[in-house]
Amino acid sequence: MKRWFVGAVLAGVLLAQAPASQARADEYDETQGHPLRVAAYLVHPVGFALEWILLRPLHWVVSQPGLEKVFGHRPHGENRVY
């Protein structure tokens, strides 16, 4: 019974992946090989990680009600107070 269940789950996973493998990437054009674009492809993950690991938690800390005046944070959106 357990082998049957494992086999069924494995078959389901493989069948679910079949349509995803048929997805096609966009066609290549000459601008995609530009050195600045290649550099951007390499730098973007670093910036993304920096934002989510360092900057967003830092913003959360400085936007706490007791610390806003200390860090000079100004709230934005509906609760904007000047």
N, C-alpha and C. Protein backbone atom coordinates (compact mmCIF):
# COMPACT_ATOMS: atom_id res chain seq x y z
N MET A 1 0.83 -1.19 0.00
CA MET A 1 0.00 0.00 0.00
C MET A 1 0.88 1.25 0.00
N LYS A 2 1.93 1.25 0.82
CA LYS A 2 2.78 2.42 0.92
C LYS A 2 3.54 2.65 -0.38
N ARG A 3 4.02 1.57 -1.02
CA ARG A 3 4.72 1.71 -2.29
C ARG A 3 3.79 2.28 -3.35
N TRP A 4 2.56 1.84 -3.36
CA TRP A 4 1.58 2.34 -4.32
C TRP A 4 1.38 3.84 -4.13
N PHE A 5 1.26 4.28 -2.88
CA PHE A 5 1.05 5.69 -2.58
C PHE A 5 2.24 6.53 -3.04
N VAL A 6 3.46 6.07 -2.74
CA VAL A 6 4.66 6.78 -3.15
C VAL A 6 4.73 6.86 -4.67
N GLY A 7 4.41 5.76 -5.34
CA GLY A 7 4.41 5.74 -6.80
C GLY A 7 3.38 6.69 -7.38
N ALA A 8 2.20 6.74 -6.78
CA ALA A 8 1.15 7.63 -7.25
C ALA A 8 1.54 9.09 -7.06
N VAL A 9 2.14 9.42 -5.94
CA VAL A 9 2.58 10.80 -5.69
C VAL A 9 3.68 11.18 -6.68
N LEU A 10 4.62 10.29 -6.91
CA LEU A 10 5.70 10.56 -7.86
C LEU A 10 5.16 10.75 -9.27
N ALA A 11 4.24 9.91 -9.68
CA ALA A 11 3.62 10.05 -11.00
C ALA A 11 2.86 11.36 -11.11
N GLY A 12 2.17 11.75 -10.05
CA GLY A 12 1.43 13.02 -10.06
C GLY A 12 2.36 14.21 -10.20
N VAL A 13 3.48 14.16 -9.50
CA VAL A 13 4.45 15.26 -9.58
C VAL A 13 5.03 15.34 -10.99
N LEU A 14 5.38 14.20 -11.56
CA LEU A 14 5.95 14.20 -12.91
C LEU A 14 4.94 14.67 -13.94
N LEU A 15 3.71 14.26 -13.81
CA LEU A 15 2.67 14.70 -14.75
C LEU A 15 2.36 16.18 -14.59
N ALA A 16 2.43 16.69 -13.38
CA ALA A 16 2.17 18.11 -13.16
C ALA A 16 3.27 18.97 -13.75
N GLN A 17 4.47 18.45 -13.84
CA GLN A 17 5.59 19.20 -14.39
C GLN A 17 5.61 19.20 -15.92
N ALA A 18 4.91 18.30 -16.56
CA ALA A 18 4.95 18.19 -18.01
C ALA A 18 4.50 19.47 -18.71
N PRO A 19 3.37 20.10 -18.34
CA PRO A 19 2.99 21.34 -19.02
C PRO A 19 3.98 22.48 -18.77
N ALA A 20 4.61 22.51 -17.60
CA ALA A 20 5.56 23.57 -17.31
C ALA A 20 6.79 23.46 -18.20
N SER A 21 7.17 22.24 -18.57
CA SER A 21 8.35 22.08 -19.42
C SER A 21 8.08 22.53 -20.85
N GLN A 22 6.82 22.66 -21.23
CA GLN A 22 6.47 23.09 -22.58
C GLN A 22 6.43 24.60 -22.71
N ALA A 23 6.57 25.31 -21.60
CA ALA A 23 6.56 26.77 -21.66
C ALA A 23 7.80 27.24 -22.41
N ARG A 24 7.64 28.27 -23.20
CA ARG A 24 8.75 28.75 -24.01
C ARG A 24 9.23 30.10 -23.49
N ALA A 25 10.52 30.31 -23.58
CA ALA A 25 11.10 31.60 -23.23
C ALA A 25 10.88 32.56 -24.39
N ASP A 26 11.00 33.85 -24.10
CA ASP A 26 10.86 34.82 -25.18
C ASP A 26 12.02 34.69 -26.15
N GLU A 27 11.80 35.14 -27.36
CA GLU A 27 12.83 35.00 -28.38
C GLU A 27 14.00 35.92 -28.10
N TYR A 28 15.17 35.46 -28.42
CA TYR A 28 16.40 36.23 -28.20
C TYR A 28 16.52 37.32 -29.26
N ASP A 29 16.87 38.51 -28.84
CA ASP A 29 17.20 39.56 -29.79
C ASP A 29 18.58 40.12 -29.44
N GLU A 30 19.11 40.94 -30.29
CA GLU A 30 20.49 41.41 -30.14
C GLU A 30 20.70 42.26 -28.88
N THR A 31 19.67 42.93 -28.37
CA THR A 31 19.86 43.79 -27.20
C THR A 31 20.05 42.98 -25.92
N GLN A 32 19.68 41.71 -25.92
CA GLN A 32 19.81 40.91 -24.70
C GLN A 32 21.24 40.52 -24.40
N GLY A 33 22.13 40.71 -25.35
CA GLY A 33 23.53 40.41 -25.10
C GLY A 33 24.35 41.64 -24.76
N HIS A 34 23.68 42.78 -24.61
CA HIS A 34 24.40 44.02 -24.29
C HIS A 34 25.09 43.86 -22.94
N PRO A 35 26.33 44.32 -22.82
CA PRO A 35 27.08 44.14 -21.56
C PRO A 35 26.40 44.74 -20.33
N LEU A 36 25.73 45.87 -20.50
CA LEU A 36 25.05 46.46 -19.34
C LEU A 36 23.87 45.60 -18.90
N ARG A 37 23.18 44.99 -19.84
CA ARG A 37 22.06 44.12 -19.48
C ARG A 37 22.59 42.87 -18.77
N VAL A 38 23.68 42.32 -19.25
CA VAL A 38 24.28 41.14 -18.60
C VAL A 38 24.72 41.51 -17.19
N ALA A 39 25.31 42.68 -17.02
CA ALA A 39 25.72 43.13 -15.68
C ALA A 39 24.50 43.30 -14.78
N ALA A 40 23.41 43.82 -15.35
CA ALA A 40 22.20 43.99 -14.56
C ALA A 40 21.64 42.64 -14.11
N TYR A 41 21.73 41.64 -14.98
CA TYR A 41 21.27 40.31 -14.59
C TYR A 41 22.08 39.78 -13.40
N LEU A 42 23.34 40.14 -13.33
CA LEU A 42 24.19 39.67 -12.23
C LEU A 42 23.99 40.48 -10.96
N VAL A 43 23.73 41.78 -11.09
CA VAL A 43 23.62 42.66 -9.93
C VAL A 43 22.22 42.62 -9.31
N HIS A 44 21.19 42.36 -10.09
CA HIS A 44 19.82 42.40 -9.59
C HIS A 44 19.58 41.47 -8.40
N PRO A 45 20.03 40.21 -8.42
CA PRO A 45 19.81 39.37 -7.23
C PRO A 45 20.48 39.91 -5.97
N VAL A 46 21.61 40.57 -6.14
CA VAL A 46 22.30 41.14 -4.98
C VAL A 46 21.46 42.27 -4.39
N GLY A 47 20.93 43.13 -5.24
CA GLY A 47 20.09 44.22 -4.76
C GLY A 47 18.81 43.71 -4.14
N PHE A 48 18.22 42.70 -4.74
CA PHE A 48 16.99 42.11 -4.21
C PHE A 48 17.23 41.54 -2.82
N ALA A 49 18.31 40.79 -2.66
CA ALA A 49 18.63 40.21 -1.36
C ALA A 49 18.94 41.30 -0.34
N LEU A 50 19.67 42.32 -0.75
CA LEU A 50 19.99 43.43 0.15
C LEU A 50 18.73 44.11 0.65
N GLU A 51 17.77 44.32 -0.25
CA GLU A 51 16.53 44.97 0.15
C GLU A 51 15.77 44.13 1.17
N TRP A 52 15.60 42.84 0.90
CA TRP A 52 14.77 42.01 1.76
C TRP A 52 15.46 41.57 3.04
N ILE A 53 16.77 41.45 3.03
CA ILE A 53 17.49 40.97 4.22
C ILE A 53 17.90 42.12 5.13
N LEU A 54 18.26 43.28 4.56
CA LEU A 54 18.78 44.37 5.37
C LEU A 54 17.85 45.58 5.43
N LEU A 55 17.44 46.09 4.28
CA LEU A 55 16.75 47.37 4.26
C LEU A 55 15.31 47.32 4.78
N ARG A 56 14.56 46.30 4.42
CA ARG A 56 13.17 46.24 4.92
C ARG A 56 13.12 46.05 6.43
N PRO A 57 13.93 45.15 7.01
CA PRO A 57 13.93 45.07 8.48
C PRO A 57 14.40 46.37 9.14
N LEU A 58 15.38 47.04 8.52
CA LEU A 58 15.84 48.32 9.06
C LEU A 58 14.72 49.35 9.02
N HIS A 59 13.95 49.40 7.94
CA HIS A 59 12.83 50.34 7.85
C HIS A 59 11.79 50.03 8.91
N TRP A 60 11.55 48.74 9.16
CA TRP A 60 10.59 48.37 10.18
C TRP A 60 11.03 48.90 11.55
N VAL A 61 12.33 48.80 11.84
CA VAL A 61 12.85 49.26 13.13
C VAL A 61 12.69 50.77 13.25
N VAL A 62 13.11 51.54 12.23
CA VAL A 62 13.08 53.00 12.35
C VAL A 62 11.67 53.56 12.24
N SER A 63 10.70 52.76 11.81
CA SER A 63 9.34 53.27 11.71
C SER A 63 8.48 52.93 12.92
N GLN A 64 9.09 52.37 13.96
CA GLN A 64 8.35 52.10 15.19
C GLN A 64 7.97 53.42 15.85
N PRO A 65 6.78 53.51 16.43
CA PRO A 65 6.30 54.78 16.98
C PRO A 65 7.28 55.48 17.92
N GLY A 66 7.97 54.75 18.77
CA GLY A 66 8.88 55.38 19.71
C GLY A 66 10.20 55.81 19.09
N LEU A 67 10.53 55.30 17.94
CA LEU A 67 11.83 55.57 17.32
C LEU A 67 11.75 56.50 16.11
N GLU A 68 10.54 56.85 15.68
CA GLU A 68 10.41 57.69 14.48
C GLU A 68 11.11 59.03 14.64
N LYS A 69 10.94 59.66 15.79
CA LYS A 69 11.58 60.97 15.99
C LYS A 69 13.10 60.85 16.06
N VAL A 70 13.59 59.79 16.66
CA VAL A 70 15.03 59.61 16.80
C VAL A 70 15.69 59.48 15.43
N PHE A 71 15.08 58.69 14.54
CA PHE A 71 15.68 58.44 13.23
C PHE A 71 15.19 59.41 12.16
N GLY A 72 14.22 60.27 12.48
CA GLY A 72 13.71 61.24 11.51
C GLY A 72 12.82 60.61 10.45
N HIS A 73 12.22 59.50 10.78
CA HIS A 73 11.33 58.83 9.82
C HIS A 73 10.01 59.56 9.72
N ARG A 74 9.57 59.80 8.51
CA ARG A 74 8.26 60.41 8.29
C ARG A 74 7.33 59.36 7.71
N PRO A 75 6.21 59.09 8.36
CA PRO A 75 5.28 58.09 7.83
C PRO A 75 4.69 58.54 6.49
N HIS A 76 4.35 57.61 5.67
CA HIS A 76 3.74 57.92 4.39
C HIS A 76 2.42 57.17 4.27
N GLY A 77 1.60 57.60 3.35
CA GLY A 77 0.30 56.97 3.18
C GLY A 77 -0.76 57.70 3.96
N GLU A 78 -1.74 56.94 4.45
CA GLU A 78 -2.90 57.52 5.15
C GLU A 78 -2.52 58.15 6.48
N ASN A 79 -1.54 57.63 7.18
CA ASN A 79 -1.20 58.15 8.51
C ASN A 79 -0.08 59.19 8.44
N ARG A 80 0.00 59.93 7.36
CA ARG A 80 1.05 60.94 7.19
C ARG A 80 0.79 62.13 8.12
N VAL A 81 1.78 62.46 8.93
CA VAL A 81 1.67 63.57 9.87
C VAL A 81 2.94 64.41 9.74
N TYR A 82 2.77 65.72 9.55
CA TYR A 82 3.94 66.61 9.47
C TYR A 82 3.93 67.61 10.59
